[in-house]
PDB file of N, CA and C in Angstrom:
ATOM      1  N   MET A   1      56.305 150.448 -82.893  1.00  0.00           N
ATOM      2  CA  MET A   1      54.962 150.425 -82.346  1.00  0.00           C
ATOM      3  C   MET A   1      54.963 151.237 -81.051  1.00  0.00           C
ATOM      4  N   ASN A   2      53.982 152.124 -80.925  1.00  0.00           N
ATOM      5  CA  ASN A   2      53.949 152.988 -79.747  1.00  0.00           C
ATOM      6  C   ASN A   2      53.258 152.304 -78.556  1.00  0.00           C
ATOM      7  N   ARG A   3      53.350 152.969 -77.437  1.00  0.00           N
ATOM      8  CA  ARG A   3      52.826 152.422 -76.174  1.00  0.00           C
ATOM      9  C   ARG A   3      51.318 152.176 -76.232  1.00  0.00           C
ATOM     10  N   ALA A   4      50.568 153.109 -76.825  1.00  0.00           N
ATOM     11  CA  ALA A   4      49.110 152.948 -76.911  1.00  0.00           C
ATOM     12  C   ALA A   4      48.754 151.678 -77.670  1.00  0.00           C
ATOM     13  N   CYS A   5      49.468 151.402 -78.745  1.00  0.00           N
ATOM     14  CA  CYS A   5      49.192 150.191 -79.527  1.00  0.00           C
ATOM     15  C   CYS A   5      49.488 148.939 -78.722  1.00  0.00           C
ATOM     16  N   ARG A   6      50.582 148.942 -77.992  1.00  0.00           N
ATOM     17  CA  ARG A   6      50.923 147.778 -77.155  1.00  0.00           C
ATOM     18  C   ARG A   6      49.882 147.569 -76.059  1.00  0.00           C
ATOM     19  N   ILE A   7      49.424 148.654 -75.467  1.00  0.00           N
ATOM     20  CA  ILE A   7      48.377 148.558 -74.435  1.00  0.00           C
ATOM     21  C   ILE A   7      47.108 147.979 -75.045  1.00  0.00           C
ATOM     22  N   LEU A   8      46.722 148.470 -76.211  1.00  0.00           N
ATOM     23  CA  LEU A   8      45.512 147.971 -76.867  1.00  0.00           C
ATOM     24  C   LEU A   8      45.624 146.491 -77.209  1.00  0.00           C
ATOM     25  N   ILE A   9      46.781 146.060 -77.673  1.00  0.00           N
ATOM     26  CA  ILE A   9      46.969 144.639 -77.984  1.00  0.00           C
ATOM     27  C   ILE A   9      46.823 143.802 -76.720  1.00  0.00           C
ATOM     28  N   GLY A  10      47.407 144.255 -75.622  1.00  0.00           N
ATOM     29  CA  GLY A  10      47.263 143.534 -74.349  1.00  0.00           C
ATOM     30  C   GLY A  10      45.818 143.485 -73.887  1.00  0.00           C
ATOM     31  N   LEU A  11      45.113 144.615 -74.000  1.00  0.00           N
ATOM     32  CA  LEU A  11      43.702 144.641 -73.606  1.00  0.00           C
ATOM     33  C   LEU A  11      42.862 143.735 -74.491  1.00  0.00           C
ATOM     34  N   ALA A  12      43.156 143.716 -75.784  1.00  0.00           N
ATOM     35  CA  ALA A  12      42.418 142.827 -76.695  1.00  0.00           C
ATOM     36  C   ALA A  12      42.653 141.367 -76.321  1.00  0.00           C
ATOM     37  N   ALA A  13      43.872 141.028 -75.947  1.00  0.00           N
ATOM     38  CA  ALA A  13      44.164 139.653 -75.532  1.00  0.00           C
ATOM     39  C   ALA A  13      43.381 139.279 -74.279  1.00  0.00           C
ATOM     40  N   ILE A  14      43.294 140.197 -73.332  1.00  0.00           N
ATOM     41  CA  ILE A  14      42.522 139.946 -72.106  1.00  0.00           C
ATOM     42  C   ILE A  14      41.037 139.817 -72.442  1.00  0.00           C
ATOM     43  N   MET A  15      40.551 140.683 -73.332  1.00  0.00           N
ATOM     44  CA  MET A  15      39.151 140.585 -73.764  1.00  0.00           C
ATOM     45  C   MET A  15      38.881 139.231 -74.410  1.00  0.00           C
ATOM     46  N   GLY A  16      39.794 138.772 -75.255  1.00  0.00           N
ATOM     47  CA  GLY A  16      39.629 137.475 -75.905  1.00  0.00           C
ATOM     48  C   GLY A  16      39.589 136.340 -74.896  1.00  0.00           C
ATOM     49  N   ALA A  17      40.511 136.374 -73.939  1.00  0.00           N
ATOM     50  CA  ALA A  17      40.536 135.327 -72.910  1.00  0.00           C
ATOM     51  C   ALA A  17      39.248 135.343 -72.085  1.00  0.00           C
ATOM     52  N   ASP A  18      38.817 136.531 -71.702  1.00  0.00           N
ATOM     53  CA  ASP A  18      37.570 136.643 -70.933  1.00  0.00           C
ATOM     54  C   ASP A  18      36.372 136.169 -71.751  1.00  0.00           C
ATOM     55  N   GLY A  19      36.376 136.484 -73.042  1.00  0.00           N
ATOM     56  CA  GLY A  19      35.291 136.029 -73.911  1.00  0.00           C
ATOM     57  C   GLY A  19      35.203 134.522 -73.979  1.00  0.00           C
ATOM     58  N   VAL A  20      36.362 133.859 -74.055  1.00  0.00           N
ATOM     59  CA  VAL A  20      36.379 132.388 -74.082  1.00  0.00           C
ATOM     60  C   VAL A  20      35.896 131.834 -72.744  1.00  0.00           C
ATOM     61  N   MET A  21      36.330 132.438 -71.642  1.00  0.00           N
ATOM     62  CA  MET A  21      35.879 131.968 -70.320  1.00  0.00           C
ATOM     63  C   MET A  21      34.368 132.120 -70.165  1.00  0.00           C
ATOM     64  N   LEU A  22      33.826 133.240 -70.629  1.00  0.00           N
ATOM     65  CA  LEU A  22      32.374 133.430 -70.543  1.00  0.00           C
ATOM     66  C   LEU A  22      31.627 132.466 -71.455  1.00  0.00           C
ATOM     67  N   ALA A  23      32.209 132.150 -72.604  1.00  0.00           N
ATOM     68  CA  ALA A  23      31.583 131.156 -73.495  1.00  0.00           C
ATOM     69  C   ALA A  23      31.532 129.796 -72.808  1.00  0.00           C
ATOM     70  N   ALA A  24      32.614 129.418 -72.137  1.00  0.00           N
ATOM     71  CA  ALA A  24      32.637 128.145 -71.417  1.00  0.00           C
ATOM     72  C   ALA A  24      31.625 128.155 -70.275  1.00  0.00           C
ATOM     73  N   ALA A  25      31.571 129.269 -69.548  1.00  0.00           N
ATOM     74  CA  ALA A  25      30.608 129.364 -68.440  1.00  0.00           C
ATOM     75  C   ALA A  25      29.180 129.285 -68.957  1.00  0.00           C
ATOM     76  N   SER A  26      28.930 129.899 -70.116  1.00  0.00           N
ATOM     77  CA  SER A  26      27.569 129.864 -70.651  1.00  0.00           C
ATOM     78  C   SER A  26      27.189 128.466 -71.116  1.00  0.00           C
ATOM     79  N   ALA A  27      28.161 127.680 -71.546  1.00  0.00           N
ATOM     80  CA  ALA A  27      27.882 126.312 -72.002  1.00  0.00           C
ATOM     81  C   ALA A  27      27.553 125.382 -70.840  1.00  0.00           C
ATOM     82  N   HIS A  28      28.010 125.738 -69.653  1.00  0.00           N
ATOM     83  CA  HIS A  28      27.828 124.849 -68.502  1.00  0.00           C
ATOM     84  C   HIS A  28      26.844 125.393 -67.471  1.00  0.00           C
ATOM     85  N   GLY A  29      26.350 126.608 -67.684  1.00  0.00           N
ATOM     86  CA  GLY A  29      25.458 127.203 -66.697  1.00  0.00           C
ATOM     87  C   GLY A  29      24.019 127.203 -67.152  1.00  0.00           C
ATOM     88  N   ALA A  30      23.146 127.129 -66.186  1.00  0.00           N
ATOM     89  CA  ALA A  30      21.717 127.215 -66.481  1.00  0.00           C
ATOM     90  C   ALA A  30      21.349 128.683 -66.660  1.00  0.00           C
ATOM     91  N   ASP A  31      20.448 128.945 -67.598  1.00  0.00           N
ATOM     92  CA  ASP A  31      19.972 130.298 -67.868  1.00  0.00           C
ATOM     93  C   ASP A  31      21.136 131.283 -68.009  1.00  0.00           C
ATOM     94  N   ALA A  32      22.069 130.951 -68.885  1.00  0.00           N
ATOM     95  CA  ALA A  32      23.274 131.765 -69.050  1.00  0.00           C
ATOM     96  C   ALA A  32      23.264 132.550 -70.355  1.00  0.00           C
ATOM     97  N   SER A  33      22.091 132.941 -70.824  1.00  0.00           N
ATOM     98  CA  SER A  33      22.006 133.642 -72.106  1.00  0.00           C
ATOM     99  C   SER A  33      22.738 134.981 -72.072  1.00  0.00           C
ATOM    100  N   ARG A  34      22.755 135.630 -70.914  1.00  0.00           N
ATOM    101  CA  ARG A  34      23.492 136.890 -70.805  1.00  0.00           C
ATOM    102  C   ARG A  34      24.985 136.675 -71.027  1.00  0.00           C
ATOM    103  N   LEU A  35      25.481 135.534 -70.566  1.00  0.00           N
ATOM    104  CA  LEU A  35      26.908 135.254 -70.723  1.00  0.00           C
ATOM    105  C   LEU A  35      27.285 135.027 -72.176  1.00  0.00           C
ATOM    106  N   VAL A  36      26.361 134.470 -72.955  1.00  0.00           N
ATOM    107  CA  VAL A  36      26.614 134.280 -74.391  1.00  0.00           C
ATOM    108  C   VAL A  36      26.787 135.643 -75.054  1.00  0.00           C
ATOM    109  N   SER A  37      25.905 136.574 -74.739  1.00  0.00           N
ATOM    110  CA  SER A  37      26.001 137.918 -75.309  1.00  0.00           C
ATOM    111  C   SER A  37      27.273 138.619 -74.857  1.00  0.00           C
ATOM    112  N   ALA A  38      27.610 138.489 -73.581  1.00  0.00           N
ATOM    113  CA  ALA A  38      28.828 139.112 -73.059  1.00  0.00           C
ATOM    114  C   ALA A  38      30.062 138.526 -73.735  1.00  0.00           C
ATOM    115  N   SER A  39      30.077 137.208 -73.891  1.00  0.00           N
ATOM    116  CA  SER A  39      31.186 136.532 -74.555  1.00  0.00           C
ATOM    117  C   SER A  39      31.346 137.027 -75.989  1.00  0.00           C
ATOM    118  N   SER A  40      30.252 137.093 -76.703  1.00  0.00           N
ATOM    119  CA  SER A  40      30.295 137.548 -78.097  1.00  0.00           C
ATOM    120  C   SER A  40      30.821 138.972 -78.208  1.00  0.00           C
ATOM    121  N   MET A  41      30.350 139.859 -77.345  1.00  0.00           N
ATOM    122  CA  MET A  41      30.814 141.249 -77.380  1.00  0.00           C
ATOM    123  C   MET A  41      32.324 141.323 -77.194  1.00  0.00           C
ATOM    124  N   LEU A  42      32.836 140.567 -76.240  1.00  0.00           N
ATOM    125  CA  LEU A  42      34.273 140.606 -75.974  1.00  0.00           C
ATOM    126  C   LEU A  42      35.076 139.998 -77.124  1.00  0.00           C
ATOM    127  N   LEU A  43      34.649 138.849 -77.611  1.00  0.00           N
ATOM    128  CA  LEU A  43      35.404 138.186 -78.676  1.00  0.00           C
ATOM    129  C   LEU A  43      35.384 138.984 -79.973  1.00  0.00           C
ATOM    130  N   PHE A  44      34.220 139.454 -80.377  1.00  0.00           N
ATOM    131  CA  PHE A  44      34.131 140.212 -81.632  1.00  0.00           C
ATOM    132  C   PHE A  44      34.954 141.493 -81.561  1.00  0.00           C
ATOM    133  N   HIS A  45      34.852 142.185 -80.443  1.00  0.00           N
ATOM    134  CA  HIS A  45      35.512 143.482 -80.359  1.00  0.00           C
ATOM    135  C   HIS A  45      36.995 143.373 -80.017  1.00  0.00           C
ATOM    136  N   ALA A  46      37.427 142.254 -79.458  1.00  0.00           N
ATOM    137  CA  ALA A  46      38.869 142.026 -79.317  1.00  0.00           C
ATOM    138  C   ALA A  46      39.497 141.968 -80.706  1.00  0.00           C
ATOM    139  N   SER A  47      38.827 141.284 -81.620  1.00  0.00           N
ATOM    140  CA  SER A  47      39.313 141.224 -83.006  1.00  0.00           C
ATOM    141  C   SER A  47      39.278 142.595 -83.669  1.00  0.00           C
ATOM    142  N   ALA A  48      38.247 143.371 -83.388  1.00  0.00           N
ATOM    143  CA  ALA A  48      38.147 144.715 -83.954  1.00  0.00           C
ATOM    144  C   ALA A  48      39.278 145.609 -83.438  1.00  0.00           C
ATOM    145  N   VAL A  49      39.622 145.473 -82.162  1.00  0.00           N
ATOM    146  CA  VAL A  49      40.724 146.254 -81.595  1.00  0.00           C
ATOM    147  C   VAL A  49      42.028 145.901 -82.302  1.00  0.00           C
ATOM    148  N   LEU A  50      42.300 144.607 -82.433  1.00  0.00           N
ATOM    149  CA  LEU A  50      43.536 144.182 -83.106  1.00  0.00           C
ATOM    150  C   LEU A  50      43.575 144.685 -84.545  1.00  0.00           C
ATOM    151  N   SER A  51      42.461 144.624 -85.220  1.00  0.00           N
ATOM    152  CA  SER A  51      42.394 145.089 -86.612  1.00  0.00           C
ATOM    153  C   SER A  51      42.626 146.590 -86.710  1.00  0.00           C
ATOM    154  N   ALA A  52      41.987 147.349 -85.835  1.00  0.00           N
ATOM    155  CA  ALA A  52      42.147 148.805 -85.866  1.00  0.00           C
ATOM    156  C   ALA A  52      43.604 149.195 -85.598  1.00  0.00           C
ATOM    157  N   VAL A  53      44.239 148.529 -84.641  1.00  0.00           N
ATOM    158  CA  VAL A  53      45.646 148.806 -84.350  1.00  0.00           C
ATOM    159  C   VAL A  53      46.510 148.484 -85.560  1.00  0.00           C
ATOM    160  N   ALA A  54      46.295 147.325 -86.165  1.00  0.00           N
ATOM    161  CA  ALA A  54      47.104 146.921 -87.319  1.00  0.00           C
ATOM    162  C   ALA A  54      46.924 147.900 -88.480  1.00  0.00           C
ATOM    163  N   LEU A  55      45.691 148.310 -88.743  1.00  0.00           N
ATOM    164  CA  LEU A  55      45.429 149.236 -89.842  1.00  0.00           C
ATOM    165  C   LEU A  55      46.013 150.620 -89.556  1.00  0.00           C
ATOM    166  N   ALA A  56      45.910 151.067 -88.311  1.00  0.00           N
ATOM    167  CA  ALA A  56      46.480 152.363 -87.939  1.00  0.00           C
ATOM    168  C   ALA A  56      48.005 152.332 -88.043  1.00  0.00           C
ATOM    169  N   GLU A  57      48.611 151.247 -87.588  1.00  0.00           N
ATOM    170  CA  GLU A  57      50.068 151.114 -87.646  1.00  0.00           C
ATOM    171  C   GLU A  57      50.574 151.076 -89.088  1.00  0.00           C
ATOM    172  N   ARG A  58      49.797 150.533 -89.991  1.00  0.00           N
ATOM    173  CA  ARG A  58      50.206 150.437 -91.396  1.00  0.00           C
ATOM    174  C   ARG A  58      49.882 151.709 -92.180  1.00  0.00           C
ATOM    175  N   GLY A  59      49.234 152.664 -91.532  1.00  0.00           N
ATOM    176  CA  GLY A  59      48.911 153.912 -92.201  1.00  0.00           C
ATOM    177  C   GLY A  59      47.692 153.836 -93.098  1.00  0.00           C
ATOM    178  N   ILE A  60      46.911 152.776 -92.963  1.00  0.00           N
ATOM    179  CA  ILE A  60      45.707 152.618 -93.788  1.00  0.00           C
ATOM    180  C   ILE A  60      44.562 153.461 -93.222  1.00  0.00           C
ATOM    181  N   LEU A  61      44.560 153.646 -91.917  1.00  0.00           N
ATOM    182  CA  LEU A  61      43.579 154.493 -91.241  1.00  0.00           C
ATOM    183  C   LEU A  61      44.264 155.758 -90.745  1.00  0.00           C
ATOM    184  N   HIS A  62      43.472 156.784 -90.523  1.00  0.00           N
ATOM    185  CA  HIS A  62      43.970 157.942 -89.779  1.00  0.00           C
ATOM    186  C   HIS A  62      44.314 157.412 -88.385  1.00  0.00           C
ATOM    187  N   ALA A  63      45.582 157.460 -88.037  1.00  0.00           N
ATOM    188  CA  ALA A  63      46.069 156.742 -86.851  1.00  0.00           C
ATOM    189  C   ALA A  63      45.395 157.191 -85.559  1.00  0.00           C
ATOM    190  N   LYS A  64      45.304 158.491 -85.319  1.00  0.00           N
ATOM    191  CA  LYS A  64      44.746 158.954 -84.041  1.00  0.00           C
ATOM    192  C   LYS A  64      43.272 158.584 -83.897  1.00  0.00           C
ATOM    193  N   ILE A  65      42.521 158.726 -84.967  1.00  0.00           N
ATOM    194  CA  ILE A  65      41.103 158.380 -84.907  1.00  0.00           C
ATOM    195  C   ILE A  65      40.940 156.862 -84.788  1.00  0.00           C
ATOM    196  N   GLY A  66      41.744 156.096 -85.514  1.00  0.00           N
ATOM    197  CA  GLY A  66      41.683 154.638 -85.427  1.00  0.00           C
ATOM    198  C   GLY A  66      42.018 154.119 -84.039  1.00  0.00           C
ATOM    199  N   ILE A  67      43.040 154.701 -83.425  1.00  0.00           N
ATOM    200  CA  ILE A  67      43.419 154.288 -82.064  1.00  0.00           C
ATOM    201  C   ILE A  67      42.338 154.702 -81.069  1.00  0.00           C
ATOM    202  N   ALA A  68      41.751 155.884 -81.259  1.00  0.00           N
ATOM    203  CA  ALA A  68      40.640 156.311 -80.392  1.00  0.00           C
ATOM    204  C   ALA A  68      39.463 155.351 -80.517  1.00  0.00           C
ATOM    205  N   ALA A  69      39.163 154.924 -81.745  1.00  0.00           N
ATOM    206  CA  ALA A  69      38.082 153.958 -81.952  1.00  0.00           C
ATOM    207  C   ALA A  69      38.394 152.645 -81.245  1.00  0.00           C
ATOM    208  N   ALA A  70      39.650 152.212 -81.299  1.00  0.00           N
ATOM    209  CA  ALA A  70      40.043 150.963 -80.637  1.00  0.00           C
ATOM    210  C   ALA A  70      39.862 151.071 -79.126  1.00  0.00           C
ATOM    211  N   PHE A  71      40.260 152.192 -78.541  1.00  0.00           N
ATOM    212  CA  PHE A  71      40.034 152.378 -77.105  1.00  0.00           C
ATOM    213  C   PHE A  71      38.536 152.417 -76.803  1.00  0.00           C
ATOM    214  N   GLY A  72      37.747 152.997 -77.711  1.00  0.00           N
ATOM    215  CA  GLY A  72      36.293 152.987 -77.539  1.00  0.00           C
ATOM    216  C   GLY A  72      35.736 151.579 -77.537  1.00  0.00           C
ATOM    217  N   PHE A  73      36.244 150.720 -78.437  1.00  0.00           N
ATOM    218  CA  PHE A  73      35.812 149.317 -78.457  1.00  0.00           C
ATOM    219  C   PHE A  73      36.088 148.642 -77.113  1.00  0.00           C
ATOM    220  N   VAL A  74      37.273 148.887 -76.565  1.00  0.00           N
ATOM    221  CA  VAL A  74      37.640 148.252 -75.291  1.00  0.00           C
ATOM    222  C   VAL A  74      36.694 148.710 -74.188  1.00  0.00           C
ATOM    223  N   LEU A  75      36.573 150.017 -74.014  1.00  0.00           N
ATOM    224  CA  LEU A  75      35.729 150.542 -72.942  1.00  0.00           C
ATOM    225  C   LEU A  75      34.280 150.095 -73.107  1.00  0.00           C
ATOM    226  N   ALA A  76      33.768 150.189 -74.318  1.00  0.00           N
ATOM    227  CA  ALA A  76      32.371 149.846 -74.567  1.00  0.00           C
ATOM    228  C   ALA A  76      32.097 148.369 -74.344  1.00  0.00           C
ATOM    229  N   ALA A  77      32.980 147.509 -74.831  1.00  0.00           N
ATOM    230  CA  ALA A  77      32.778 146.064 -74.651  1.00  0.00           C
ATOM    231  C   ALA A  77      32.852 145.689 -73.173  1.00  0.00           C
ATOM    232  N   VAL A  78      33.750 146.340 -72.437  1.00  0.00           N
ATOM    233  CA  VAL A  78      33.846 146.068 -71.000  1.00  0.00           C
ATOM    234  C   VAL A  78      32.576 146.515 -70.281  1.00  0.00           C
ATOM    235  N   LEU A  79      32.053 147.676 -70.633  1.00  0.00           N
ATOM    236  CA  LEU A  79      30.793 148.133 -70.028  1.00  0.00           C
ATOM    237  C   LEU A  79      29.662 147.157 -70.329  1.00  0.00           C
ATOM    238  N   PHE A  80      29.528 146.804 -71.588  1.00  0.00           N
ATOM    239  CA  PHE A  80      28.435 145.932 -72.012  1.00  0.00           C
ATOM    240  C   PHE A  80      28.571 144.548 -71.373  1.00  0.00           C
ATOM    241  N   ALA A  81      29.723 143.921 -71.559  1.00  0.00           N
ATOM    242  CA  ALA A  81      29.925 142.561 -71.046  1.00  0.00           C
ATOM    243  C   ALA A  81      29.971 142.538 -69.518  1.00  0.00           C
ATOM    244  N   GLY A  82      30.593 143.546 -68.935  1.00  0.00           N
ATOM    245  CA  GLY A  82      30.651 143.603 -67.469  1.00  0.00           C
ATOM    246  C   GLY A  82      29.286 143.711 -66.841  1.00  0.00           C
ATOM    247  N   ASP A  83      28.435 144.527 -67.428  1.00  0.00           N
ATOM    248  CA  ASP A  83      27.077 144.677 -66.912  1.00  0.00           C
ATOM    249  C   ASP A  83      26.304 143.366 -67.003  1.00  0.00           C
ATOM    250  N   LEU A  84      26.367 142.701 -68.171  1.00  0.00           N
ATOM    251  CA  LEU A  84      25.646 141.434 -68.335  1.00  0.00           C
ATOM    252  C   LEU A  84      26.191 140.351 -67.411  1.00  0.00           C
ATOM    253  N   THR A  85      27.503 140.318 -67.243  1.00  0.00           N
ATOM    254  CA  THR A  85      28.118 139.301 -66.383  1.00  0.00           C
ATOM    255  C   THR A  85      27.739 139.524 -64.926  1.00  0.00           C
ATOM    256  N   LEU A  86      27.802 140.770 -64.471  1.00  0.00           N
ATOM    257  CA  LEU A  86      27.392 141.058 -63.092  1.00  0.00           C
ATOM    258  C   LEU A  86      25.918 140.738 -62.870  1.00  0.00           C
ATOM    259  N   ARG A  87      25.084 141.032 -63.852  1.00  0.00           N
ATOM    260  CA  ARG A  87      23.660 140.714 -63.713  1.00  0.00           C
ATOM    261  C   ARG A  87      23.453 139.207 -63.556  1.00  0.00           C
ATOM    262  N   HIS A  88      24.278 138.421 -64.236  1.00  0.00           N
ATOM    263  CA  HIS A  88      24.154 136.971 -64.138  1.00  0.00           C
ATOM    264  C   HIS A  88      24.644 136.462 -62.776  1.00  0.00           C
ATOM    265  N   TYR A  89      25.811 136.913 -62.355  1.00  0.00           N
ATOM    266  CA  TYR A  89      26.424 136.358 -61.145  1.00  0.00           C
ATOM    267  C   TYR A  89      26.044 137.082 -59.854  1.00  0.00           C
ATOM    268  N   ALA A  90      25.750 138.379 -59.914  1.00  0.00           N
ATOM    269  CA  ALA A  90      25.504 139.136 -58.681  1.00  0.00           C
ATOM    270  C   ALA A  90      24.096 139.709 -58.594  1.00  0.00           C
ATOM    271  N   ASP A  91      23.279 139.466 -59.609  1.00  0.00           N
ATOM    272  CA  ASP A  91      21.904 139.967 -59.645  1.00  0.00           C
ATOM    273  C   ASP A  91      21.803 141.494 -59.614  1.00  0.00           C
ATOM    274  N   HIS A  92      22.849 142.178 -60.057  1.00  0.00           N
ATOM    275  CA  HIS A  92      22.784 143.624 -60.261  1.00  0.00           C
ATOM    276  C   HIS A  92      23.816 143.988 -61.321  1.00  0.00           C
ATOM    277  N   GLY A  93      23.619 145.120 -61.948  1.00  0.00           N
ATOM    278  CA  GLY A  93      24.528 145.552 -63.002  1.00  0.00           C
ATOM    279  C   GLY A  93      25.630 146.454 -62.481  1.00  0.00           C
ATOM    280  N   LEU A  94      26.462 146.925 -63.401  1.00  0.00           N
ATOM    281  CA  LEU A  94      27.534 147.854 -63.034  1.00  0.00           C
ATOM    282  C   LEU A  94      26.961 149.158 -62.490  1.00  0.00           C
ATOM    283  N   PHE A  95      26.071 149.753 -63.260  1.00  0.00           N
ATOM    284  CA  PHE A  95      25.356 150.969 -62.890  1.00  0.00           C
ATOM    285  C   PHE A  95      24.178 151.076 -63.849  1.00  0.00           C
ATOM    286  N   PRO A  96      23.179 151.890 -63.530  1.00  0.00           N
ATOM    287  CA  PRO A  96      22.031 151.999 -64.429  1.00  0.00           C
ATOM    288  C   PRO A  96      22.468 152.408 -65.838  1.00  0.00           C
ATOM    289  N   MET A  97      21.946 151.712 -66.826  1.00  0.00           N
ATOM    290  CA  MET A  97      22.200 152.005 -68.238  1.00  0.00           C
ATOM    291  C   MET A  97      23.626 151.692 -68.698  1.00  0.00           C
ATOM    292  N   ALA A  98      24.349 150.834 -67.968  1.00  0.00           N
ATOM    293  CA  ALA A  98      25.722 150.506 -68.362  1.00  0.00           C
ATOM    294  C   ALA A  98      25.753 149.774 -69.702  1.00  0.00           C
ATOM    295  N   ALA A  99      24.923 148.754 -69.876  1.00  0.00           N
ATOM    296  CA  ALA A  99      24.923 148.003 -71.137  1.00  0.00           C
ATOM    297  C   ALA A  99      24.491 148.881 -72.318  1.00  0.00           C
ATOM    298  N   PRO A 100      23.413 149.662 -72.207  1.00  0.00           N
ATOM    299  CA  PRO A 100      23.072 150.538 -73.323  1.00  0.00           C
ATOM    300  C   PRO A 100      24.142 151.595 -73.606  1.00  0.00           C
ATOM    301  N   THR A 101      24.791 152.082 -72.561  1.00  0.00           N
ATOM    302  CA  THR A 101      25.883 153.036 -72.752  1.00  0.00           C
ATOM    303  C   THR A 101      27.021 152.368 -73.516  1.00  0.00           C
ATOM    304  N   GLY A 102      27.345 151.131 -73.131  1.00  0.00           N
ATOM    305  CA  GLY A 102      28.367 150.385 -73.847  1.00  0.00           C
ATOM    306  C   GLY A 102      27.976 150.140 -75.295  1.00  0.00           C
ATOM    307  N   GLY A 103      26.733 149.784 -75.520  1.00  0.00           N
ATOM    308  CA  GLY A 103      26.256 149.550 -76.880  1.00  0.00           C
ATOM    309  C   GLY A 103      26.310 150.811 -77.735  1.00  0.00           C
ATOM    310  N   THR A 104      25.931 151.923 -77.165  1.00  0.00           N
ATOM    311  CA  THR A 104      25.991 153.198 -77.886  1.00  0.00           C
ATOM    312  C   THR A 104      27.434 153.569 -78.206  1.00  0.00           C
ATOM    313  N   LEU A 105      28.326 153.349 -77.252  1.00  0.00           N
ATOM    314  CA  LEU A 105      29.748 153.631 -77.483  1.00  0.00           C
ATOM    315  C   LEU A 105      30.339 152.692 -78.537  1.00  0.00           C
ATOM    316  N   LEU A 106      29.854 151.449 -78.589  1.00  0.00           N
ATOM    317  CA  LEU A 106      30.301 150.541 -79.653  1.00  0.00           C
ATOM    318  C   LEU A 106      29.900 151.082 -81.026  1.00  0.00           C
ATOM    319  N   ILE A 107      28.668 151.535 -81.141  1.00  0.00           N
ATOM    320  CA  ILE A 107      28.215 152.108 -82.410  1.00  0.00           C
ATOM    321  C   ILE A 107      29.072 153.314 -82.775  1.00  0.00           C
ATOM    322  N   ALA A 108      29.309 154.194 -81.800  1.00  0.00           N
ATOM    323  CA  ALA A 108      30.126 155.383 -82.054  1.00  0.00           C
ATOM    324  C   ALA A 108      31.551 154.997 -82.453  1.00  0.00           C
ATOM    325  N   SER A 109      32.086 153.954 -81.850  1.00  0.00           N
ATOM    326  CA  SER A 109      33.447 153.511 -82.177  1.00  0.00           C
ATOM    327  C   SER A 109      33.517 152.952 -83.594  1.00  0.00           C
ATOM    328  N   TRP A 110      32.490 152.196 -84.004  1.00  0.00           N
ATOM    329  CA  TRP A 110      32.459 151.703 -85.382  1.00  0.00           C
ATOM    330  C   TRP A 110      32.361 152.869 -86.359  1.00  0.00           C
ATOM    331  N   LEU A 111      31.563 153.868 -86.036  1.00  0.00           N
ATOM    332  CA  LEU A 111      31.462 155.038 -86.915  1.00  0.00           C
ATOM    333  C   LEU A 111      32.783 155.811 -86.945  1.00  0.00           C
ATOM    334  N   ALA A 112      33.461 155.905 -85.812  1.00  0.00           N
ATOM    335  CA  ALA A 112      34.782 156.552 -85.773  1.00  0.00           C
ATOM    336  C   ALA A 112      35.771 155.787 -86.648  1.00  0.00           C
ATOM    337  N   LEU A 113      35.671 154.466 -86.652  1.00  0.00           N
ATOM    338  CA  LEU A 113      36.544 153.664 -87.510  1.00  0.00           C
ATOM    339  C   LEU A 113      36.266 153.966 -88.986  1.00  0.00           C
ATOM    340  N   ALA A 114      35.010 154.157 -89.324  1.00  0.00           N
ATOM    341  CA  ALA A 114      34.658 154.522 -90.699  1.00  0.00           C
ATOM    342  C   ALA A 114      35.251 155.885 -91.055  1.00  0.00           C
ATOM    343  N   VAL A 115      35.177 156.826 -90.134  1.00  0.00           N
ATOM    344  CA  VAL A 115      35.775 158.147 -90.364  1.00  0.00           C
ATOM    345  C   VAL A 115      37.286 158.014 -90.524  1.00  0.00           C
ATOM    346  N   ALA A 116      37.905 157.186 -89.682  1.00  0.00           N
ATOM    347  CA  ALA A 116      39.354 156.988 -89.772  1.00  0.00           C
ATOM    348  C   ALA A 116      39.755 156.413 -91.121  1.00  0.00           C
ATOM    349  N   ALA A 117      38.915 155.593 -91.696  1.00  0.00           N
ATOM    350  CA  ALA A 117      39.203 155.018 -93.010  1.00  0.00           C
ATOM    351  C   ALA A 117      39.022 156.055 -94.121  1.00  0.00           C
ATOM    352  N   ALA A 118      38.063 156.954 -93.956  1.00  0.00           N
ATOM    353  CA  ALA A 118      37.772 157.949 -94.987  1.00  0.00           C
ATOM    354  C   ALA A 118      38.677 159.167 -94.905  1.00  0.00           C
ATOM    355  N   TRP A 119      39.215 159.441 -93.735  1.00  0.00           N
ATOM    356  CA  TRP A 119      40.022 160.640 -93.511  1.00  0.00           C
ATOM    357  C   TRP A 119      41.339 160.518 -94.267  1.00  0.00           C
ATOM    358  N   PRO A 120      41.785 161.584 -94.900  1.00  0.00           N
ATOM    359  CA  PRO A 120      43.057 161.499 -95.616  1.00  0.00           C
ATOM    360  C   PRO A 120      44.229 161.248 -94.654  1.00  0.00           C
ATOM    361  N   ARG A 121      45.149 160.448 -95.135  1.00  0.00           N
ATOM    362  CA  ARG A 121      46.351 160.169 -94.338  1.00  0.00           C
ATOM    363  C   ARG A 121      47.145 161.438 -94.118  1.00  0.00           C
ATOM    364  N   LEU A 122      47.681 161.566 -92.923  1.00  0.00           N
ATOM    365  CA  LEU A 122      48.537 162.707 -92.619  1.00  0.00           C
ATOM    366  C   LEU A 122      49.985 162.282 -92.792  1.00  0.00           C
ATOM    367  N   GLY A 123      50.784 163.130 -93.405  1.00  0.00           N
ATOM    368  CA  GLY A 123      52.217 162.854 -93.563  1.00  0.00           C
ATOM    369  C   GLY A 123      52.433 161.914 -94.651  1.00  0.00           C
TER     370      GLY A 123
END
């Protein structure tokens, strides 16, 4: 397993832990609907990262495109969830259009994963 895959697995684990923490915070906080969405984004895409890494490592996906999609999931979920979390706790977002940028990157990453599945295996 290469370094990029190990990094992605570690990032997915952190995303999963953060997703659980945000789920707990949303269960105990008033008007915490943003935290529910942030939690879901992190938890769902942590699983997607792990899946993309596993499929790329097994040669089921085009490895470079699959790993790129996994990094896209990480960055996009952090943008989306980070923006919603900051809006809840600090009354401002990461930067203008951070959540929509994250959402667009999530869509692009899912499409990249589809391309990685359709692309012929190299070697």
